[in-house]
Amino acid sequence: MTDNSHMEMVNPQRATQLVDNLSNVVAKILSASKSGKQARLVAVSKLKPANDVLALHQSTHAHLHFGENYQQELLSKSQLLPQDIRWHFIGALQTNKCKPLAQQIPNLWCVESVDTSKKADQLEKGRGLLCEQSPEYSPVPLRVFVQVNTSGEEEKSGVEPSQATELCKHVREQCPHLKLQGLMTIGAIARSKGAAEGKENEDFLVLRDVRDTVAKSLSIEANELELSMGMSDDFESAVRCGSDQVRVGTGIFGERPSRQDAQIKEAVEEGKN
């Protein structure tokens, strides 16, 4: 059951600031687009209170797509906030947590960090169980992006570009409750800084090439697979390179608190502010 008791407590000043920030990002996306297509904007709300999400959801933008990095935080927010919000899980996936992630959050719209067949299989099991419990979700598969490590950095998650096709085939052929939405990458920081100076990020070009290769192997059109690439520092470069979806956090919500200081429900909800 969703707890909406906090919904009237959005701080008007904070809401105005967030809406202005969102509008600014949307304008930059449109300006950077070569085709006039508007890339989907995922507002990354990790470590930010539920009221921040609500402020954008209730605004004139009626924003729907929000991203979270931590499973428990996502679960808590999904139970507090309206069910028409489309949640994206964008954090590192642990295999043993994939099944509950897909089972416990009915309005989980997408998981963007699938990098092994085992994780895909566990998401498949979780979504299947959700559909058994609530048949109304059966017609709507859980979308997934295969994460590709385009920068070659050892600390980054993601499959090697050469392995992307195999994993994409697995999702399409072995996971009927999942839909392969496309490919995702996180660009190297140094290349992102270069992108901010007007250069194209090599990692984005690599992902675009991987997408074309995967599409050819699957005998589908390239535009049937989306590209999720670009964050607060480099989303304009990503859009110029053809990104279909960008993930922006600090550019909308501002700097984040430390994880230990983060509060999902603000003190204002208790009349303390």
C-alpha atoms as a PDB file:
ATOM      1  CA  MET A   1       0.000   0.000   0.000  1.00  0.00           C
ATOM      2  CA  THR A   2       1.375   3.406  -0.989  1.00  0.00           C
ATOM      3  CA  ASP A   3       1.709   5.908   1.850  1.00  0.00           C
ATOM      4  CA  ASN A   4       0.628   9.273   0.463  1.00  0.00           C
ATOM      5  CA  SER A   5       0.511  11.086   3.809  1.00  0.00           C
ATOM      6  CA  HIS A   6       3.566  13.142   2.891  1.00  0.00           C
ATOM      7  CA  MET A   7       2.287  14.274  -0.511  1.00  0.00           C
ATOM      8  CA  GLU A   8       1.065  17.690   0.568  1.00  0.00           C
ATOM      9  CA  MET A   9       4.327  18.602   2.288  1.00  0.00           C
ATOM     10  CA  VAL A  10       6.493  19.483  -0.716  1.00  0.00           C
ATOM     11  CA  ASN A  11       8.464  22.653   0.001  1.00  0.00           C
ATOM     12  CA  PRO A  12       7.341  25.222  -2.628  1.00  0.00           C
ATOM     13  CA  GLN A  13      10.736  26.946  -2.835  1.00  0.00           C
ATOM     14  CA  ARG A  14      12.562  23.657  -3.292  1.00  0.00           C
ATOM     15  CA  ALA A  15       9.971  22.532  -5.842  1.00  0.00           C
ATOM     16  CA  THR A  16      10.491  25.691  -7.914  1.00  0.00           C
ATOM     17  CA  GLN A  17      14.250  25.178  -7.890  1.00  0.00           C
ATOM     18  CA  LEU A  18      13.921  21.559  -9.006  1.00  0.00           C
ATOM     19  CA  VAL A  19      11.490  22.388 -11.799  1.00  0.00           C
ATOM     20  CA  ASP A  20      13.796  25.151 -13.051  1.00  0.00           C
ATOM     21  CA  ASN A  21      16.740  22.728 -13.030  1.00  0.00           C
ATOM     22  CA  LEU A  22      14.745  20.095 -14.893  1.00  0.00           C
ATOM     23  CA  SER A  23      13.575  22.630 -17.466  1.00  0.00           C
ATOM     24  CA  ASN A  24      17.177  23.701 -18.033  1.00  0.00           C
ATOM     25  CA  VAL A  25      18.305  20.130 -18.641  1.00  0.00           C
ATOM     26  CA  VAL A  26      15.403  19.475 -21.022  1.00  0.00           C
ATOM     27  CA  ALA A  27      16.281  22.608 -22.998  1.00  0.00           C
ATOM     28  CA  LYS A  28      19.925  21.480 -23.281  1.00  0.00           C
ATOM     29  CA  ILE A  29      18.839  18.046 -24.498  1.00  0.00           C
ATOM     30  CA  LEU A  30      16.694  19.580 -27.227  1.00  0.00           C
ATOM     31  CA  SER A  31      19.464  21.980 -28.220  1.00  0.00           C
ATOM     32  CA  ALA A  32      22.027  19.177 -28.500  1.00  0.00           C
ATOM     33  CA  SER A  33      19.783  16.890 -30.553  1.00  0.00           C
ATOM     34  CA  LYS A  34      20.723  16.803 -34.220  1.00  0.00           C
ATOM     35  CA  SER A  35      17.520  15.086 -35.286  1.00  0.00           C
ATOM     36  CA  GLY A  36      15.067  17.040 -33.147  1.00  0.00           C
ATOM     37  CA  LYS A  37      14.331  13.858 -31.209  1.00  0.00           C
ATOM     38  CA  GLN A  38      14.067  14.352 -27.452  1.00  0.00           C
ATOM     39  CA  ALA A  39      16.058  11.803 -25.513  1.00  0.00           C
ATOM     40  CA  ARG A  40      14.308  10.323 -22.491  1.00  0.00           C
ATOM     41  CA  LEU A  41      15.455  12.027 -19.301  1.00  0.00           C
ATOM     42  CA  VAL A  42      15.914   9.830 -16.249  1.00  0.00           C
ATOM     43  CA  ALA A  43      16.124  12.051 -13.165  1.00  0.00           C
ATOM     44  CA  VAL A  44      18.549  10.257 -10.838  1.00  0.00           C
ATOM     45  CA  SER A  45      17.179  10.781  -7.353  1.00  0.00           C
ATOM     46  CA  LYS A  46      19.518   8.558  -5.338  1.00  0.00           C
ATOM     47  CA  LEU A  47      20.122   9.776  -1.776  1.00  0.00           C
ATOM     48  CA  LYS A  48      17.515  12.490  -2.269  1.00  0.00           C
ATOM     49  CA  PRO A  49      14.221  12.569  -0.333  1.00  0.00           C
ATOM     50  CA  ALA A  50      10.974  11.275  -1.776  1.00  0.00           C
ATOM     51  CA  ASN A  51       9.580  14.808  -1.702  1.00  0.00           C
ATOM     52  CA  ASP A  52      12.091  15.867  -4.361  1.00  0.00           C
ATOM     53  CA  VAL A  53      10.752  13.162  -6.649  1.00  0.00           C
ATOM     54  CA  LEU A  54       7.198  14.153  -5.843  1.00  0.00           C
ATOM     55  CA  ALA A  55       7.880  17.811  -6.620  1.00  0.00           C
ATOM     56  CA  LEU A  56       8.906  16.959 -10.181  1.00  0.00           C
ATOM     57  CA  HIS A  57       6.183  14.373 -10.617  1.00  0.00           C
ATOM     58  CA  GLN A  58       3.490  16.868  -9.563  1.00  0.00           C
ATOM     59  CA  SER A  59       4.940  19.770 -11.574  1.00  0.00           C
ATOM     60  CA  THR A  60       3.790  20.938 -14.981  1.00  0.00           C
ATOM     61  CA  HIS A  61       6.406  18.581 -16.430  1.00  0.00           C
ATOM     62  CA  ALA A  62       4.629  15.637 -14.732  1.00  0.00           C
ATOM     63  CA  HIS A  63       7.977  13.878 -14.862  1.00  0.00           C
ATOM     64  CA  LEU A  64       7.725  10.087 -14.821  1.00  0.00           C
ATOM     65  CA  HIS A  65      11.196   8.562 -15.176  1.00  0.00           C
ATOM     66  CA  PHE A  66      13.387   8.429 -12.061  1.00  0.00           C
ATOM     67  CA  GLY A  67      16.551   6.450 -11.401  1.00  0.00           C
ATOM     68  CA  GLU A  68      17.912   4.891  -8.229  1.00  0.00           C
ATOM     69  CA  ASN A  69      21.225   3.175  -7.429  1.00  0.00           C
ATOM     70  CA  TYR A  70      20.389   1.353  -4.208  1.00  0.00           C
ATOM     71  CA  GLN A  71      17.815  -1.402  -4.047  1.00  0.00           C
ATOM     72  CA  GLN A  72      16.460  -0.724  -0.555  1.00  0.00           C
ATOM     73  CA  GLU A  73      16.139   2.994  -1.243  1.00  0.00           C
ATOM     74  CA  LEU A  74      14.280   2.262  -4.460  1.00  0.00           C
ATOM     75  CA  LEU A  75      11.929  -0.147  -2.687  1.00  0.00           C
ATOM     76  CA  SER A  76      11.177   2.397   0.052  1.00  0.00           C
ATOM     77  CA  LYS A  77      10.488   5.218  -2.396  1.00  0.00           C
ATOM     78  CA  SER A  78       8.349   3.037  -4.619  1.00  0.00           C
ATOM     79  CA  GLN A  79       6.120   2.270  -1.644  1.00  0.00           C
ATOM     80  CA  LEU A  80       5.823   5.938  -0.685  1.00  0.00           C
ATOM     81  CA  LEU A  81       5.265   7.531  -4.079  1.00  0.00           C
ATOM     82  CA  PRO A  82       2.592   7.341  -6.813  1.00  0.00           C
ATOM     83  CA  GLN A  83       2.432   4.091  -8.734  1.00  0.00           C
ATOM     84  CA  ASP A  84       2.558   5.747 -12.154  1.00  0.00           C
ATOM     85  CA  ILE A  85       6.201   6.709 -11.601  1.00  0.00           C
ATOM     86  CA  ARG A  86       8.489   4.712 -13.877  1.00  0.00           C
ATOM     87  CA  TRP A  87      11.472   3.584 -11.837  1.00  0.00           C
ATOM     88  CA  HIS A  88      14.862   2.765 -13.337  1.00  0.00           C
ATOM     89  CA  PHE A  89      17.413   0.763 -11.379  1.00  0.00           C
ATOM     90  CA  ILE A  90      20.795   2.033 -12.551  1.00  0.00           C
ATOM     91  CA  GLY A  91      23.158   0.809  -9.830  1.00  0.00           C
ATOM     92  CA  ALA A  92      25.467  -2.183  -9.682  1.00  0.00           C
ATOM     93  CA  LEU A  93      23.459  -5.397  -9.589  1.00  0.00           C
ATOM     94  CA  GLN A  94      24.106  -8.264  -7.202  1.00  0.00           C
ATOM     95  CA  THR A  95      22.913 -11.576  -8.593  1.00  0.00           C
ATOM     96  CA  ASN A  96      21.203 -12.656  -5.366  1.00  0.00           C
ATOM     97  CA  LYS A  97      19.199  -9.410  -5.230  1.00  0.00           C
ATOM     98  CA  CYS A  98      17.920  -9.429  -8.795  1.00  0.00           C
ATOM     99  CA  LYS A  99      14.954 -11.691  -8.130  1.00  0.00           C
ATOM    100  CA  PRO A 100      13.467  -9.603  -5.267  1.00  0.00           C
ATOM    101  CA  LEU A 101      14.175  -6.401  -7.182  1.00  0.00           C
ATOM    102  CA  ALA A 102      12.018  -7.565 -10.082  1.00  0.00           C
ATOM    103  CA  GLN A 103       9.364  -9.141  -7.879  1.00  0.00           C
ATOM    104  CA  GLN A 104       8.808  -6.456  -5.230  1.00  0.00           C
ATOM    105  CA  ILE A 105       8.512  -3.298  -7.351  1.00  0.00           C
ATOM    106  CA  PRO A 106       5.603  -3.551  -9.810  1.00  0.00           C
ATOM    107  CA  ASN A 107       6.322  -0.166 -11.388  1.00  0.00           C
ATOM    108  CA  LEU A 108      10.002  -0.927 -11.964  1.00  0.00           C
ATOM    109  CA  TRP A 109      10.152   0.224 -15.575  1.00  0.00           C
ATOM    110  CA  CYS A 110      13.703  -0.715 -16.387  1.00  0.00           C
ATOM    111  CA  VAL A 111      16.935  -2.258 -15.066  1.00  0.00           C
ATOM    112  CA  GLU A 112      19.898  -0.649 -16.780  1.00  0.00           C
ATOM    113  CA  SER A 113      22.872  -2.582 -15.440  1.00  0.00           C
ATOM    114  CA  VAL A 114      22.510  -6.174 -16.641  1.00  0.00           C
ATOM    115  CA  ASP A 115      25.952  -7.579 -17.382  1.00  0.00           C
ATOM    116  CA  THR A 116      25.635 -11.360 -16.912  1.00  0.00           C
ATOM    117  CA  SER A 117      23.182 -14.016 -18.001  1.00  0.00           C
ATOM    118  CA  LYS A 118      22.793 -15.107 -14.355  1.00  0.00           C
ATOM    119  CA  LYS A 119      21.522 -11.648 -13.414  1.00  0.00           C
ATOM    120  CA  ALA A 120      19.140 -11.663 -16.366  1.00  0.00           C
ATOM    121  CA  ASP A 121      17.864 -15.090 -15.316  1.00  0.00           C
ATOM    122  CA  GLN A 122      17.197 -13.923 -11.748  1.00  0.00           C
ATOM    123  CA  LEU A 123      15.361 -10.821 -12.987  1.00  0.00           C
ATOM    124  CA  GLU A 124      13.335 -13.130 -15.216  1.00  0.00           C
ATOM    125  CA  LYS A 125      12.385 -15.298 -12.237  1.00  0.00           C
ATOM    126  CA  GLY A 126      11.404 -12.289 -10.152  1.00  0.00           C
ATOM    127  CA  ARG A 127       9.267 -10.729 -12.856  1.00  0.00           C
ATOM    128  CA  GLY A 128       7.662 -14.099 -13.526  1.00  0.00           C
ATOM    129  CA  LEU A 129       6.690 -14.426  -9.867  1.00  0.00           C
ATOM    130  CA  LEU A 130       5.235 -10.905  -9.876  1.00  0.00           C
ATOM    131  CA  CYS A 131       3.125 -11.787 -12.903  1.00  0.00           C
ATOM    132  CA  GLU A 132       1.894 -14.958 -11.180  1.00  0.00           C
ATOM    133  CA  GLN A 133       0.874 -12.965  -8.107  1.00  0.00           C
ATOM    134  CA  SER A 134      -0.576 -10.052 -10.077  1.00  0.00           C
ATOM    135  CA  PRO A 135      -1.611 -11.168 -13.582  1.00  0.00           C
ATOM    136  CA  GLU A 136      -2.327  -7.594 -14.652  1.00  0.00           C
ATOM    137  CA  TYR A 137       1.440  -7.117 -15.061  1.00  0.00           C
ATOM    138  CA  SER A 138       1.814 -10.096 -17.410  1.00  0.00           C
ATOM    139  CA  PRO A 139       1.417  -8.113 -20.667  1.00  0.00           C
ATOM    140  CA  VAL A 140       4.202  -5.695 -19.697  1.00  0.00           C
ATOM    141  CA  PRO A 141       7.737  -7.121 -19.662  1.00  0.00           C
ATOM    142  CA  LEU A 142      10.479  -5.632 -17.499  1.00  0.00           C
ATOM    143  CA  ARG A 143      12.785  -3.644 -19.745  1.00  0.00           C
ATOM    144  CA  VAL A 144      16.518  -4.199 -19.410  1.00  0.00           C
ATOM    145  CA  PHE A 145      19.617  -2.582 -20.814  1.00  0.00           C
ATOM    146  CA  VAL A 146      22.776  -4.602 -21.206  1.00  0.00           C
ATOM    147  CA  GLN A 147      25.634  -2.633 -19.661  1.00  0.00           C
ATOM    148  CA  VAL A 148      28.771  -2.485 -21.783  1.00  0.00           C
ATOM    149  CA  ASN A 149      32.200  -1.503 -20.447  1.00  0.00           C
ATOM    150  CA  THR A 150      33.265   0.709 -23.327  1.00  0.00           C
ATOM    151  CA  SER A 151      36.193   2.339 -21.521  1.00  0.00           C
ATOM    152  CA  GLY A 152      38.071  -0.812 -20.551  1.00  0.00           C
ATOM    153  CA  GLU A 153      38.368   0.348 -16.928  1.00  0.00           C
ATOM    154  CA  GLU A 154      38.681  -2.629 -14.590  1.00  0.00           C
ATOM    155  CA  GLU A 155      36.599  -1.003 -11.849  1.00  0.00           C
ATOM    156  CA  LYS A 156      33.663  -0.488 -14.207  1.00  0.00           C
ATOM    157  CA  SER A 157      30.868  -3.013 -14.503  1.00  0.00           C
ATOM    158  CA  GLY A 158      29.658  -4.195 -17.864  1.00  0.00           C
ATOM    159  CA  VAL A 159      30.373  -6.815 -20.477  1.00  0.00           C
ATOM    160  CA  GLU A 160      33.199  -6.408 -22.943  1.00  0.00           C
ATOM    161  CA  PRO A 161      31.963  -5.013 -26.255  1.00  0.00           C
ATOM    162  CA  SER A 162      32.737  -8.350 -27.931  1.00  0.00           C
ATOM    163  CA  GLN A 163      30.459 -10.186 -25.458  1.00  0.00           C
ATOM    164  CA  ALA A 164      27.432  -7.923 -25.758  1.00  0.00           C
ATOM    165  CA  THR A 165      25.775  -9.839 -28.580  1.00  0.00           C
ATOM    166  CA  GLU A 166      25.789 -13.130 -26.656  1.00  0.00           C
ATOM    167  CA  LEU A 167      24.128 -11.574 -23.598  1.00  0.00           C
ATOM    168  CA  CYS A 168      21.583  -9.702 -25.703  1.00  0.00           C
ATOM    169  CA  LYS A 169      20.643 -12.949 -27.439  1.00  0.00           C
ATOM    170  CA  HIS A 170      20.212 -14.637 -24.065  1.00  0.00           C
ATOM    171  CA  VAL A 171      17.795 -11.951 -22.867  1.00  0.00           C
ATOM    172  CA  ARG A 172      15.729 -12.127 -26.047  1.00  0.00           C
ATOM    173  CA  GLU A 173      15.655 -15.915 -26.310  1.00  0.00           C
ATOM    174  CA  GLN A 174      15.649 -17.132 -22.697  1.00  0.00           C
ATOM    175  CA  CYS A 175      13.840 -14.411 -20.725  1.00  0.00           C
ATOM    176  CA  PRO A 176      10.215 -14.052 -21.859  1.00  0.00           C
ATOM    177  CA  HIS A 177       9.305 -11.676 -19.009  1.00  0.00           C
ATOM    178  CA  LEU A 178      12.114  -9.289 -19.979  1.00  0.00           C
ATOM    179  CA  LYS A 179      12.424  -6.948 -22.936  1.00  0.00           C
ATOM    180  CA  LEU A 180      15.826  -6.010 -24.320  1.00  0.00           C
ATOM    181  CA  GLN A 181      15.493  -2.243 -24.412  1.00  0.00           C
ATOM    182  CA  GLY A 182      19.038  -1.526 -25.531  1.00  0.00           C
ATOM    183  CA  LEU A 183      22.598  -0.940 -24.356  1.00  0.00           C
ATOM    184  CA  MET A 184      23.979   1.241 -21.574  1.00  0.00           C
ATOM    185  CA  THR A 185      27.424   2.566 -20.762  1.00  0.00           C
ATOM    186  CA  ILE A 186      29.133   4.902 -18.297  1.00  0.00           C
ATOM    187  CA  GLY A 187      31.829   6.923 -20.005  1.00  0.00           C
ATOM    188  CA  ALA A 188      35.307   7.347 -18.553  1.00  0.00           C
ATOM    189  CA  ILE A 189      35.617  10.499 -16.429  1.00  0.00           C
ATOM    190  CA  ALA A 190      38.525  11.886 -18.476  1.00  0.00           C
ATOM    191  CA  ARG A 191      36.613  11.384 -21.703  1.00  0.00           C
ATOM    192  CA  SER A 192      33.524  12.940 -20.148  1.00  0.00           C
ATOM    193  CA  LYS A 193      35.554  16.058 -19.322  1.00  0.00           C
ATOM    194  CA  GLY A 194      36.728  16.158 -22.893  1.00  0.00           C
ATOM    195  CA  ALA A 195      33.142  15.816 -24.037  1.00  0.00           C
ATOM    196  CA  ALA A 196      32.207  18.832 -21.918  1.00  0.00           C
ATOM    197  CA  GLU A 197      34.744  20.816 -23.936  1.00  0.00           C
ATOM    198  CA  GLY A 198      32.995  19.990 -27.167  1.00  0.00           C
ATOM    199  CA  LYS A 199      34.771  16.757 -28.117  1.00  0.00           C
ATOM    200  CA  GLU A 200      32.913  13.547 -28.792  1.00  0.00           C
ATOM    201  CA  ASN A 201      33.284  10.924 -26.080  1.00  0.00           C
ATOM    202  CA  GLU A 202      34.926   7.838 -27.568  1.00  0.00           C
ATOM    203  CA  ASP A 203      32.948   5.592 -25.235  1.00  0.00           C
ATOM    204  CA  PHE A 204      29.685   6.802 -26.733  1.00  0.00           C
ATOM    205  CA  LEU A 205      30.925   6.106 -30.249  1.00  0.00           C
ATOM    206  CA  VAL A 206      31.969   2.608 -29.183  1.00  0.00           C
ATOM    207  CA  LEU A 207      28.514   1.895 -27.723  1.00  0.00           C
ATOM    208  CA  ARG A 208      26.891   3.083 -30.910  1.00  0.00           C
ATOM    209  CA  ASP A 209      29.062   0.686 -32.909  1.00  0.00           C
ATOM    210  CA  VAL A 210      28.295  -2.175 -30.494  1.00  0.00           C
ATOM    211  CA  ARG A 211      24.579  -1.467 -30.880  1.00  0.00           C
ATOM    212  CA  ASP A 212      24.885  -1.691 -34.661  1.00  0.00           C
ATOM    213  CA  THR A 213      26.773  -4.988 -34.397  1.00  0.00           C
ATOM    214  CA  VAL A 214      24.248  -6.466 -31.964  1.00  0.00           C
ATOM    215  CA  ALA A 215      21.300  -5.380 -34.106  1.00  0.00           C
ATOM    216  CA  LYS A 216      22.821  -6.992 -37.178  1.00  0.00           C
ATOM    217  CA  SER A 217      23.420 -10.239 -35.263  1.00  0.00           C
ATOM    218  CA  LEU A 218      19.815 -10.218 -34.027  1.00  0.00           C
ATOM    219  CA  SER A 219      18.489  -9.382 -37.513  1.00  0.00           C
ATOM    220  CA  ILE A 220      16.716  -6.261 -36.288  1.00  0.00           C
ATOM    221  CA  GLU A 221      16.970  -2.587 -37.117  1.00  0.00           C
ATOM    222  CA  ALA A 222      19.514  -0.613 -35.108  1.00  0.00           C
ATOM    223  CA  ASN A 223      16.829   1.812 -33.942  1.00  0.00           C
ATOM    224  CA  GLU A 224      15.032  -1.068 -32.195  1.00  0.00           C
ATOM    225  CA  LEU A 225      17.787  -0.959 -29.570  1.00  0.00           C
ATOM    226  CA  GLU A 226      18.111   2.197 -27.498  1.00  0.00           C
ATOM    227  CA  LEU A 227      21.342   3.758 -26.285  1.00  0.00           C
ATOM    228  CA  SER A 228      21.412   4.834 -22.625  1.00  0.00           C
ATOM    229  CA  MET A 229      24.474   7.021 -22.228  1.00  0.00           C
ATOM    230  CA  GLY A 230      25.277  10.397 -20.775  1.00  0.00           C
ATOM    231  CA  MET A 231      25.105  11.794 -17.241  1.00  0.00           C
ATOM    232  CA  SER A 232      25.225  15.239 -15.641  1.00  0.00           C
ATOM    233  CA  ASP A 233      28.676  16.146 -16.994  1.00  0.00           C
ATOM    234  CA  ASP A 234      28.363  14.741 -20.493  1.00  0.00           C
ATOM    235  CA  PHE A 235      24.716  14.273 -21.466  1.00  0.00           C
ATOM    236  CA  GLU A 236      24.884  16.903 -24.213  1.00  0.00           C
ATOM    237  CA  SER A 237      27.750  15.069 -25.893  1.00  0.00           C
ATOM    238  CA  ALA A 238      25.826  11.815 -25.523  1.00  0.00           C
ATOM    239  CA  VAL A 239      22.764  13.315 -27.205  1.00  0.00           C
ATOM    240  CA  ARG A 240      24.948  14.572 -30.062  1.00  0.00           C
ATOM    241  CA  CYS A 241      26.192  10.981 -30.447  1.00  0.00           C
ATOM    242  CA  GLY A 242      22.635   9.661 -30.692  1.00  0.00           C
ATOM    243  CA  SER A 243      21.731   8.757 -27.128  1.00  0.00           C
ATOM    244  CA  ASP A 244      18.090   7.810 -26.644  1.00  0.00           C
ATOM    245  CA  GLN A 245      18.233   8.221 -22.869  1.00  0.00           C
ATOM    246  CA  VAL A 246      20.335  10.261 -20.454  1.00  0.00           C
ATOM    247  CA  ARG A 247      20.670   9.904 -16.691  1.00  0.00           C
ATOM    248  CA  VAL A 248      21.014  13.203 -14.845  1.00  0.00           C
ATOM    249  CA  GLY A 249      21.238  13.547 -11.062  1.00  0.00           C
ATOM    250  CA  THR A 250      23.237  16.477  -9.693  1.00  0.00           C
ATOM    251  CA  GLY A 251      22.246  18.638 -12.668  1.00  0.00           C
ATOM    252  CA  ILE A 252      18.659  18.440 -11.386  1.00  0.00           C
ATOM    253  CA  PHE A 253      18.805  17.687  -7.655  1.00  0.00           C
ATOM    254  CA  GLY A 254      22.131  19.311  -6.724  1.00  0.00           C
ATOM    255  CA  GLU A 255      24.962  17.761  -4.748  1.00  0.00           C
ATOM    256  CA  ARG A 256      24.093  14.623  -2.815  1.00  0.00           C
ATOM    257  CA  PRO A 257      24.558  14.043   0.892  1.00  0.00           C
ATOM    258  CA  SER A 258      26.662  11.135   2.078  1.00  0.00           C
ATOM    259  CA  ARG A 259      24.800   7.849   2.075  1.00  0.00           C
ATOM    260  CA  GLN A 260      24.713   7.732   5.878  1.00  0.00           C
ATOM    261  CA  ASP A 261      23.143  11.205   6.033  1.00  0.00           C
ATOM    262  CA  ALA A 262      20.539  10.651   3.320  1.00  0.00           C
ATOM    263  CA  GLN A 263      16.878  10.749   4.320  1.00  0.00           C
ATOM    264  CA  ILE A 264      14.100   9.292   2.229  1.00  0.00           C
ATOM    265  CA  LYS A 265      11.425  11.076   4.260  1.00  0.00           C
ATOM    266  CA  GLU A 266      12.355  14.623   5.161  1.00  0.00           C
ATOM    267  CA  ALA A 267      11.824  16.204   8.550  1.00  0.00           C
ATOM    268  CA  VAL A 268       9.283  18.553   6.985  1.00  0.00           C
ATOM    269  CA  GLU A 269       6.911  15.609   6.762  1.00  0.00           C
ATOM    270  CA  GLU A 270       6.890  15.513  10.547  1.00  0.00           C
ATOM    271  CA  GLY A 271       6.356  19.258  10.873  1.00  0.00           C
ATOM    272  CA  LYS A 272       9.933  19.935  11.912  1.00  0.00           C
ATOM    273  CA  ASN A 273      10.880  22.385   9.167  1.00  0.00           C
END
